[in-house]
Amino acid sequence: MSENKSNSAVLAEFIANGKEFVALAKSISAADLNKTPIAGEWSPAFVLHHMCDGEMHFATRYLNNLAEDSPDIFPFNEDIYPERLNYANRDALASLAAIEGIQIANASILKAVRENDWARTSKHVDRGLMTLTQLVETASGHSKSHAGQLQGLIDAL
């Protein structure tokens, strides 16, 4: 956890970053979702699919962290997902709906976490032990980063 942030502040930032991402995604017209306005970058639709997949991974991490004793976390390989999970043929609006729903469910779960449970740990293959707080901060940063990516795409449309 950041030294100066309480768990409630981490959670508030997590919720705000998720809402920011969803609001930006909703501002993109359906006609623009599959456009690639920046050469070599993903389309907004691909960003939505990536975030949808990421939200599912993060949700599993929180649930396992809270329910199991120091469960293993396996990283997801975002480089192979676009091809293997067929991003080109997925419905961007379905991914957006899933993102929003998962974020609402996660916020509800995390708001109910007892203070001492924020220190529960999980074992990441690459990063080692991570607390629930660190998992939430990681996901929060992920949402913030991809909101910035979406904003760049919106600006380029």
N, C-alpha and C. Protein backbone atom coordinates (compact mmCIF):
# COMPACT_ATOMS: atom_id res chain seq x y z
N MET A 1 0.84 -1.18 0.00
CA MET A 1 0.00 0.00 0.00
C MET A 1 0.88 1.23 0.00
N SER A 2 0.41 2.24 -0.66
CA SER A 2 1.12 3.50 -0.61
C SER A 2 1.18 3.96 0.84
N GLU A 3 2.31 4.47 1.24
CA GLU A 3 2.52 4.83 2.64
C GLU A 3 1.50 5.83 3.16
N ASN A 4 1.03 6.72 2.32
CA ASN A 4 0.15 7.79 2.77
C ASN A 4 -1.32 7.51 2.54
N LYS A 5 -1.68 6.36 2.03
CA LYS A 5 -3.07 6.06 1.71
C LYS A 5 -3.64 5.03 2.66
N SER A 6 -4.83 5.31 3.16
CA SER A 6 -5.55 4.32 3.94
C SER A 6 -6.22 3.35 2.98
N ASN A 7 -6.66 2.23 3.50
CA ASN A 7 -7.37 1.27 2.65
C ASN A 7 -8.64 1.88 2.07
N SER A 8 -9.31 2.72 2.84
CA SER A 8 -10.52 3.37 2.31
C SER A 8 -10.17 4.33 1.17
N ALA A 9 -9.02 4.98 1.25
CA ALA A 9 -8.58 5.85 0.16
C ALA A 9 -8.21 5.04 -1.08
N VAL A 10 -7.56 3.90 -0.87
CA VAL A 10 -7.22 3.02 -1.99
C VAL A 10 -8.51 2.55 -2.67
N LEU A 11 -9.49 2.15 -1.88
CA LEU A 11 -10.75 1.69 -2.43
C LEU A 11 -11.47 2.81 -3.17
N ALA A 12 -11.49 4.00 -2.60
CA ALA A 12 -12.14 5.14 -3.26
C ALA A 12 -11.49 5.45 -4.61
N GLU A 13 -10.17 5.38 -4.66
CA GLU A 13 -9.45 5.62 -5.91
C GLU A 13 -9.74 4.52 -6.92
N PHE A 14 -9.78 3.29 -6.46
CA PHE A 14 -10.11 2.15 -7.31
C PHE A 14 -11.49 2.35 -7.96
N ILE A 15 -12.46 2.72 -7.16
CA ILE A 15 -13.82 2.94 -7.67
C ILE A 15 -13.84 4.11 -8.65
N ALA A 16 -13.19 5.20 -8.29
CA ALA A 16 -13.15 6.38 -9.16
C ALA A 16 -12.48 6.08 -10.49
N ASN A 17 -11.36 5.36 -10.47
CA ASN A 17 -10.65 5.02 -11.71
C ASN A 17 -11.50 4.11 -12.60
N GLY A 18 -12.21 3.19 -11.99
CA GLY A 18 -13.10 2.32 -12.77
C GLY A 18 -14.22 3.12 -13.41
N LYS A 19 -14.81 4.04 -12.65
CA LYS A 19 -15.89 4.87 -13.20
C LYS A 19 -15.38 5.78 -14.31
N GLU A 20 -14.17 6.29 -14.15
CA GLU A 20 -13.59 7.13 -15.19
C GLU A 20 -13.43 6.33 -16.48
N PHE A 21 -12.93 5.11 -16.38
CA PHE A 21 -12.76 4.28 -17.57
C PHE A 21 -14.11 4.04 -18.24
N VAL A 22 -15.10 3.65 -17.47
CA VAL A 22 -16.42 3.34 -18.02
C VAL A 22 -17.03 4.58 -18.68
N ALA A 23 -16.91 5.73 -18.05
CA ALA A 23 -17.46 6.97 -18.63
C ALA A 23 -16.80 7.29 -19.96
N LEU A 24 -15.48 7.15 -20.03
CA LEU A 24 -14.78 7.40 -21.29
C LEU A 24 -15.23 6.41 -22.35
N ALA A 25 -15.33 5.15 -21.99
CA ALA A 25 -15.75 4.12 -22.95
C ALA A 25 -17.15 4.41 -23.47
N LYS A 26 -18.04 4.84 -22.59
CA LYS A 26 -19.42 5.14 -23.01
C LYS A 26 -19.50 6.37 -23.90
N SER A 27 -18.47 7.21 -23.87
CA SER A 27 -18.48 8.42 -24.70
C SER A 27 -18.09 8.14 -26.16
N ILE A 28 -17.64 6.94 -26.43
CA ILE A 28 -17.22 6.57 -27.79
C ILE A 28 -18.42 6.03 -28.55
N SER A 29 -18.67 6.57 -29.72
CA SER A 29 -19.81 6.10 -30.51
C SER A 29 -19.57 4.67 -30.98
N ALA A 30 -20.65 3.96 -31.20
CA ALA A 30 -20.55 2.58 -31.69
C ALA A 30 -19.80 2.53 -33.02
N ALA A 31 -19.98 3.57 -33.83
CA ALA A 31 -19.30 3.62 -35.14
C ALA A 31 -17.79 3.76 -34.99
N ASP A 32 -17.32 4.31 -33.86
CA ASP A 32 -15.89 4.54 -33.67
C ASP A 32 -15.18 3.44 -32.88
N LEU A 33 -15.93 2.51 -32.31
CA LEU A 33 -15.32 1.52 -31.43
C LEU A 33 -14.26 0.66 -32.11
N ASN A 34 -14.47 0.34 -33.37
CA ASN A 34 -13.52 -0.55 -34.05
C ASN A 34 -12.50 0.18 -34.91
N LYS A 35 -12.50 1.50 -34.83
CA LYS A 35 -11.51 2.27 -35.58
C LYS A 35 -10.17 2.22 -34.86
N THR A 36 -9.11 2.31 -35.62
CA THR A 36 -7.75 2.35 -35.07
C THR A 36 -7.13 3.68 -35.48
N PRO A 37 -7.41 4.74 -34.71
CA PRO A 37 -6.95 6.07 -35.11
C PRO A 37 -5.46 6.32 -34.92
N ILE A 38 -4.79 5.45 -34.18
CA ILE A 38 -3.35 5.61 -33.95
C ILE A 38 -2.67 4.34 -34.46
N ALA A 39 -1.83 4.50 -35.46
CA ALA A 39 -1.15 3.35 -36.07
C ALA A 39 -0.40 2.55 -35.01
N GLY A 40 -0.58 1.24 -35.07
CA GLY A 40 0.13 0.36 -34.15
C GLY A 40 -0.52 0.23 -32.78
N GLU A 41 -1.60 0.95 -32.53
CA GLU A 41 -2.30 0.88 -31.25
C GLU A 41 -3.58 0.05 -31.40
N TRP A 42 -4.14 -0.36 -30.29
CA TRP A 42 -5.42 -1.07 -30.30
C TRP A 42 -6.54 -0.10 -30.62
N SER A 43 -7.63 -0.64 -31.13
CA SER A 43 -8.87 0.11 -31.28
C SER A 43 -9.50 0.26 -29.90
N PRO A 44 -10.46 1.18 -29.74
CA PRO A 44 -11.18 1.23 -28.46
C PRO A 44 -11.81 -0.11 -28.10
N ALA A 45 -12.34 -0.83 -29.10
CA ALA A 45 -12.96 -2.13 -28.83
C ALA A 45 -11.95 -3.10 -28.21
N PHE A 46 -10.72 -3.14 -28.75
CA PHE A 46 -9.71 -4.03 -28.20
C PHE A 46 -9.35 -3.65 -26.77
N VAL A 47 -9.32 -2.34 -26.49
CA VAL A 47 -9.06 -1.89 -25.12
C VAL A 47 -10.18 -2.38 -24.20
N LEU A 48 -11.42 -2.29 -24.67
CA LEU A 48 -12.54 -2.77 -23.86
C LEU A 48 -12.45 -4.27 -23.60
N HIS A 49 -12.11 -5.03 -24.63
CA HIS A 49 -11.99 -6.48 -24.44
C HIS A 49 -10.86 -6.81 -23.45
N HIS A 50 -9.76 -6.11 -23.59
CA HIS A 50 -8.63 -6.31 -22.67
C HIS A 50 -9.05 -5.98 -21.23
N MET A 51 -9.73 -4.86 -21.05
CA MET A 51 -10.17 -4.49 -19.70
C MET A 51 -11.18 -5.48 -19.15
N CYS A 52 -12.07 -5.97 -19.99
CA CYS A 52 -13.04 -6.98 -19.56
C CYS A 52 -12.32 -8.22 -19.05
N ASP A 53 -11.36 -8.69 -19.84
CA ASP A 53 -10.59 -9.86 -19.43
C ASP A 53 -9.82 -9.59 -18.14
N GLY A 54 -9.23 -8.41 -18.05
CA GLY A 54 -8.48 -8.02 -16.86
C GLY A 54 -9.37 -7.95 -15.63
N GLU A 55 -10.56 -7.36 -15.77
CA GLU A 55 -11.48 -7.26 -14.64
C GLU A 55 -11.85 -8.64 -14.12
N MET A 56 -12.04 -9.60 -15.04
CA MET A 56 -12.35 -10.97 -14.60
C MET A 56 -11.18 -11.58 -13.83
N HIS A 57 -9.98 -11.34 -14.32
CA HIS A 57 -8.80 -11.85 -13.62
C HIS A 57 -8.68 -11.21 -12.24
N PHE A 58 -8.82 -9.89 -12.18
CA PHE A 58 -8.67 -9.20 -10.90
C PHE A 58 -9.75 -9.66 -9.91
N ALA A 59 -10.98 -9.82 -10.38
CA ALA A 59 -12.06 -10.27 -9.49
C ALA A 59 -11.73 -11.63 -8.88
N THR A 60 -11.22 -12.52 -9.69
CA THR A 60 -10.83 -13.85 -9.19
C THR A 60 -9.74 -13.72 -8.14
N ARG A 61 -8.81 -12.82 -8.37
CA ARG A 61 -7.73 -12.62 -7.40
C ARG A 61 -8.28 -12.15 -6.05
N TYR A 62 -9.20 -11.19 -6.07
CA TYR A 62 -9.76 -10.69 -4.79
C TYR A 62 -10.50 -11.81 -4.07
N LEU A 63 -11.34 -12.53 -4.81
CA LEU A 63 -12.13 -13.59 -4.18
C LEU A 63 -11.23 -14.68 -3.60
N ASN A 64 -10.24 -15.10 -4.37
CA ASN A 64 -9.32 -16.12 -3.85
C ASN A 64 -8.55 -15.61 -2.65
N ASN A 65 -8.11 -14.36 -2.69
CA ASN A 65 -7.37 -13.77 -1.58
C ASN A 65 -8.21 -13.78 -0.31
N LEU A 66 -9.48 -13.44 -0.43
CA LEU A 66 -10.35 -13.36 0.74
C LEU A 66 -10.81 -14.73 1.23
N ALA A 67 -10.87 -15.71 0.34
CA ALA A 67 -11.43 -17.00 0.71
C ALA A 67 -10.39 -18.07 1.03
N GLU A 68 -9.19 -17.92 0.52
CA GLU A 68 -8.15 -18.94 0.68
C GLU A 68 -6.97 -18.35 1.45
N ASP A 69 -6.13 -19.21 1.98
CA ASP A 69 -4.93 -18.77 2.67
C ASP A 69 -3.77 -18.67 1.69
N SER A 70 -3.34 -17.46 1.42
CA SER A 70 -2.21 -17.15 0.54
C SER A 70 -2.26 -17.92 -0.79
N PRO A 71 -3.34 -17.73 -1.55
CA PRO A 71 -3.46 -18.46 -2.82
C PRO A 71 -2.45 -17.97 -3.86
N ASP A 72 -2.19 -18.84 -4.81
CA ASP A 72 -1.32 -18.47 -5.93
C ASP A 72 -2.07 -17.56 -6.89
N ILE A 73 -1.33 -16.63 -7.48
CA ILE A 73 -1.84 -15.77 -8.54
C ILE A 73 -0.98 -16.04 -9.76
N PHE A 74 -1.63 -16.27 -10.86
CA PHE A 74 -0.90 -16.46 -12.11
C PHE A 74 -1.14 -15.25 -13.00
N PRO A 75 -0.08 -14.71 -13.57
CA PRO A 75 -0.25 -13.55 -14.44
C PRO A 75 -1.00 -13.95 -15.71
N PHE A 76 -1.68 -12.98 -16.32
CA PHE A 76 -2.32 -13.30 -17.60
C PHE A 76 -1.50 -12.68 -18.72
N ASN A 77 -1.44 -13.40 -19.81
CA ASN A 77 -0.60 -13.01 -20.94
C ASN A 77 -1.43 -12.17 -21.91
N GLU A 78 -1.43 -10.87 -21.70
CA GLU A 78 -2.25 -9.98 -22.51
C GLU A 78 -1.82 -9.95 -23.97
N ASP A 79 -0.62 -10.38 -24.26
CA ASP A 79 -0.14 -10.37 -25.65
C ASP A 79 -0.82 -11.42 -26.52
N ILE A 80 -1.22 -12.54 -25.93
CA ILE A 80 -1.86 -13.58 -26.73
C ILE A 80 -3.39 -13.49 -26.70
N TYR A 81 -3.94 -12.71 -25.78
CA TYR A 81 -5.39 -12.65 -25.66
C TYR A 81 -6.09 -12.13 -26.91
N PRO A 82 -5.61 -11.07 -27.56
CA PRO A 82 -6.35 -10.58 -28.74
C PRO A 82 -6.61 -11.65 -29.79
N GLU A 83 -5.62 -12.50 -30.04
CA GLU A 83 -5.80 -13.56 -31.03
C GLU A 83 -6.56 -14.74 -30.44
N ARG A 84 -6.10 -15.23 -29.31
CA ARG A 84 -6.68 -16.45 -28.73
C ARG A 84 -8.12 -16.24 -28.26
N LEU A 85 -8.43 -15.03 -27.80
CA LEU A 85 -9.79 -14.75 -27.32
C LEU A 85 -10.60 -13.98 -28.35
N ASN A 86 -10.06 -13.94 -29.57
CA ASN A 86 -10.77 -13.44 -30.74
C ASN A 86 -11.36 -12.04 -30.57
N TYR A 87 -10.52 -11.11 -30.16
CA TYR A 87 -10.98 -9.73 -29.96
C TYR A 87 -11.66 -9.16 -31.19
N ALA A 88 -11.21 -9.54 -32.38
CA ALA A 88 -11.77 -8.98 -33.61
C ALA A 88 -13.25 -9.33 -33.80
N ASN A 89 -13.70 -10.41 -33.19
CA ASN A 89 -15.08 -10.83 -33.37
C ASN A 89 -15.92 -10.76 -32.10
N ARG A 90 -15.42 -10.10 -31.09
CA ARG A 90 -16.18 -9.94 -29.84
C ARG A 90 -17.00 -8.66 -29.89
N ASP A 91 -18.02 -8.62 -29.08
CA ASP A 91 -18.92 -7.47 -28.99
C ASP A 91 -18.38 -6.49 -27.95
N ALA A 92 -17.96 -5.32 -28.42
CA ALA A 92 -17.37 -4.32 -27.52
C ALA A 92 -18.36 -3.85 -26.46
N LEU A 93 -19.63 -3.73 -26.82
CA LEU A 93 -20.61 -3.27 -25.85
C LEU A 93 -20.88 -4.34 -24.78
N ALA A 94 -20.76 -5.60 -25.15
CA ALA A 94 -20.87 -6.67 -24.15
C ALA A 94 -19.69 -6.61 -23.19
N SER A 95 -18.50 -6.35 -23.72
CA SER A 95 -17.32 -6.21 -22.85
C SER A 95 -17.49 -5.02 -21.91
N LEU A 96 -18.01 -3.91 -22.43
CA LEU A 96 -18.23 -2.72 -21.59
C LEU A 96 -19.24 -3.02 -20.48
N ALA A 97 -20.33 -3.71 -20.83
CA ALA A 97 -21.33 -4.06 -19.82
C ALA A 97 -20.72 -4.95 -18.75
N ALA A 98 -19.89 -5.90 -19.17
CA ALA A 98 -19.24 -6.78 -18.20
C ALA A 98 -18.29 -5.99 -17.29
N ILE A 99 -17.52 -5.09 -17.88
CA ILE A 99 -16.60 -4.27 -17.08
C ILE A 99 -17.36 -3.54 -15.99
N GLU A 100 -18.42 -2.86 -16.40
CA GLU A 100 -19.20 -2.08 -15.44
C GLU A 100 -19.81 -2.97 -14.36
N GLY A 101 -20.36 -4.10 -14.76
CA GLY A 101 -20.96 -5.01 -13.78
C GLY A 101 -19.94 -5.59 -12.82
N ILE A 102 -18.80 -6.00 -13.34
CA ILE A 102 -17.75 -6.57 -12.48
C ILE A 102 -17.23 -5.50 -11.52
N GLN A 103 -17.06 -4.28 -12.02
CA GLN A 103 -16.59 -3.20 -11.14
C GLN A 103 -17.58 -2.92 -10.02
N ILE A 104 -18.86 -2.92 -10.33
CA ILE A 104 -19.88 -2.70 -9.30
C ILE A 104 -19.84 -3.83 -8.27
N ALA A 105 -19.76 -5.07 -8.75
CA ALA A 105 -19.70 -6.21 -7.83
C ALA A 105 -18.44 -6.18 -6.97
N ASN A 106 -17.30 -5.88 -7.61
CA ASN A 106 -16.05 -5.81 -6.84
C ASN A 106 -16.10 -4.71 -5.79
N ALA A 107 -16.64 -3.56 -6.15
CA ALA A 107 -16.74 -2.46 -5.19
C ALA A 107 -17.59 -2.89 -4.00
N SER A 108 -18.69 -3.57 -4.26
CA SER A 108 -19.56 -4.04 -3.19
C SER A 108 -18.83 -5.03 -2.28
N ILE A 109 -18.11 -5.95 -2.88
CA ILE A 109 -17.34 -6.93 -2.10
C ILE A 109 -16.27 -6.23 -1.27
N LEU A 110 -15.52 -5.34 -1.90
CA LEU A 110 -14.39 -4.69 -1.22
C LEU A 110 -14.84 -3.70 -0.15
N LYS A 111 -16.01 -3.11 -0.31
CA LYS A 111 -16.53 -2.21 0.73
C LYS A 111 -16.84 -2.97 2.01
N ALA A 112 -17.11 -4.26 1.88
CA ALA A 112 -17.47 -5.08 3.04
C ALA A 112 -16.26 -5.76 3.70
N VAL A 113 -15.07 -5.56 3.14
CA VAL A 113 -13.87 -6.20 3.68
C VAL A 113 -13.52 -5.61 5.05
N ARG A 114 -13.26 -6.48 6.00
CA ARG A 114 -12.82 -6.01 7.32
C ARG A 114 -11.41 -5.44 7.20
N GLU A 115 -11.10 -4.49 8.02
CA GLU A 115 -9.82 -3.78 7.94
C GLU A 115 -8.62 -4.74 7.97
N ASN A 116 -8.65 -5.73 8.85
CA ASN A 116 -7.50 -6.64 8.93
C ASN A 116 -7.37 -7.53 7.70
N ASP A 117 -8.44 -7.73 6.93
CA ASP A 117 -8.37 -8.58 5.75
C ASP A 117 -7.66 -7.90 4.57
N TRP A 118 -7.48 -6.59 4.63
CA TRP A 118 -6.73 -5.89 3.57
C TRP A 118 -5.26 -6.33 3.56
N ALA A 119 -4.80 -6.91 4.66
CA ALA A 119 -3.41 -7.37 4.74
C ALA A 119 -3.25 -8.83 4.31
N ARG A 120 -4.35 -9.50 3.95
CA ARG A 120 -4.26 -10.88 3.48
C ARG A 120 -3.37 -10.93 2.25
N THR A 121 -2.63 -12.00 2.10
CA THR A 121 -1.68 -12.09 0.98
C THR A 121 -2.04 -13.17 -0.01
N SER A 122 -1.55 -12.94 -1.22
CA SER A 122 -1.58 -13.91 -2.30
C SER A 122 -0.18 -13.98 -2.87
N LYS A 123 0.14 -15.10 -3.51
CA LYS A 123 1.49 -15.27 -4.08
C LYS A 123 1.44 -15.14 -5.59
N HIS A 124 2.06 -14.07 -6.08
CA HIS A 124 2.16 -13.84 -7.52
C HIS A 124 3.43 -14.51 -8.02
N VAL A 125 3.32 -15.20 -9.14
CA VAL A 125 4.45 -15.94 -9.69
C VAL A 125 5.67 -15.04 -9.91
N ASP A 126 5.44 -13.82 -10.40
CA ASP A 126 6.54 -12.90 -10.71
C ASP A 126 6.81 -11.88 -9.60
N ARG A 127 5.77 -11.43 -8.90
CA ARG A 127 5.90 -10.33 -7.95
C ARG A 127 6.04 -10.76 -6.50
N GLY A 128 5.83 -12.03 -6.24
CA GLY A 128 5.92 -12.51 -4.86
C GLY A 128 4.64 -12.24 -4.08
N LEU A 129 4.77 -12.11 -2.76
CA LEU A 129 3.60 -11.88 -1.92
C LEU A 129 3.00 -10.50 -2.18
N MET A 130 1.68 -10.48 -2.33
CA MET A 130 0.95 -9.23 -2.53
C MET A 130 -0.24 -9.22 -1.59
N THR A 131 -0.46 -8.10 -0.93
CA THR A 131 -1.63 -7.97 -0.06
C THR A 131 -2.86 -7.64 -0.91
N LEU A 132 -4.02 -7.79 -0.29
CA LEU A 132 -5.25 -7.40 -0.97
C LEU A 132 -5.17 -5.92 -1.37
N THR A 133 -4.64 -5.11 -0.50
CA THR A 133 -4.47 -3.69 -0.81
C THR A 133 -3.65 -3.51 -2.08
N GLN A 134 -2.56 -4.23 -2.18
CA GLN A 134 -1.70 -4.13 -3.37
C GLN A 134 -2.41 -4.64 -4.62
N LEU A 135 -3.21 -5.69 -4.49
CA LEU A 135 -3.97 -6.19 -5.63
C LEU A 135 -4.95 -5.12 -6.13
N VAL A 136 -5.62 -4.47 -5.20
CA VAL A 136 -6.59 -3.43 -5.56
C VAL A 136 -5.87 -2.22 -6.16
N GLU A 137 -4.73 -1.85 -5.60
CA GLU A 137 -3.95 -0.74 -6.17
C GLU A 137 -3.49 -1.06 -7.59
N THR A 138 -3.08 -2.30 -7.82
CA THR A 138 -2.64 -2.72 -9.15
C THR A 138 -3.79 -2.59 -10.15
N ALA A 139 -4.96 -3.08 -9.78
CA ALA A 139 -6.13 -3.00 -10.65
C ALA A 139 -6.54 -1.55 -10.88
N SER A 140 -6.45 -0.75 -9.84
CA SER A 140 -6.78 0.66 -9.95
C SER A 140 -5.87 1.36 -10.96
N GLY A 141 -4.58 1.07 -10.88
CA GLY A 141 -3.62 1.64 -11.82
C GLY A 141 -3.87 1.15 -13.24
N HIS A 142 -4.30 -0.10 -13.36
CA HIS A 142 -4.64 -0.67 -14.66
C HIS A 142 -5.80 0.10 -15.29
N SER A 143 -6.84 0.35 -14.52
CA SER A 143 -7.98 1.13 -15.01
C SER A 143 -7.56 2.54 -15.41
N LYS A 144 -6.76 3.16 -14.57
CA LYS A 144 -6.30 4.53 -14.84
C LYS A 144 -5.46 4.57 -16.11
N SER A 145 -4.57 3.64 -16.27
CA SER A 145 -3.71 3.58 -17.44
C SER A 145 -4.53 3.43 -18.72
N HIS A 146 -5.50 2.52 -18.69
CA HIS A 146 -6.29 2.29 -19.89
C HIS A 146 -7.32 3.39 -20.12
N ALA A 147 -7.70 4.12 -19.09
CA ALA A 147 -8.53 5.32 -19.30
C ALA A 147 -7.71 6.34 -20.08
N GLY A 148 -6.44 6.48 -19.73
CA GLY A 148 -5.56 7.38 -20.47
C GLY A 148 -5.39 6.93 -21.91
N GLN A 149 -5.29 5.62 -22.11
CA GLN A 149 -5.18 5.08 -23.46
C GLN A 149 -6.45 5.40 -24.25
N LEU A 150 -7.62 5.19 -23.64
CA LEU A 150 -8.88 5.51 -24.32
C LEU A 150 -8.97 6.99 -24.65
N GLN A 151 -8.54 7.84 -23.71
CA GLN A 151 -8.58 9.28 -23.97
C GLN A 151 -7.72 9.64 -25.17
N GLY A 152 -6.56 9.03 -25.28
CA GLY A 152 -5.70 9.26 -26.43
C GLY A 152 -6.37 8.83 -27.73
N LEU A 153 -7.06 7.70 -27.70
CA LEU A 153 -7.78 7.23 -28.88
C LEU A 153 -8.93 8.16 -29.24
N ILE A 154 -9.66 8.61 -28.22
CA ILE A 154 -10.76 9.54 -28.44
C ILE A 154 -10.24 10.82 -29.07
N ASP A 155 -9.14 11.33 -28.54
CA ASP A 155 -8.55 12.57 -29.08
C ASP A 155 -8.11 12.41 -30.53
N ALA A 156 -7.72 11.19 -30.91
CA ALA A 156 -7.23 10.95 -32.26
C ALA A 156 -8.35 10.62 -33.26
N LEU A 157 -9.55 10.34 -32.76
CA LEU A 157 -10.66 10.00 -33.67
C LEU A 157 -11.10 11.20 -34.47
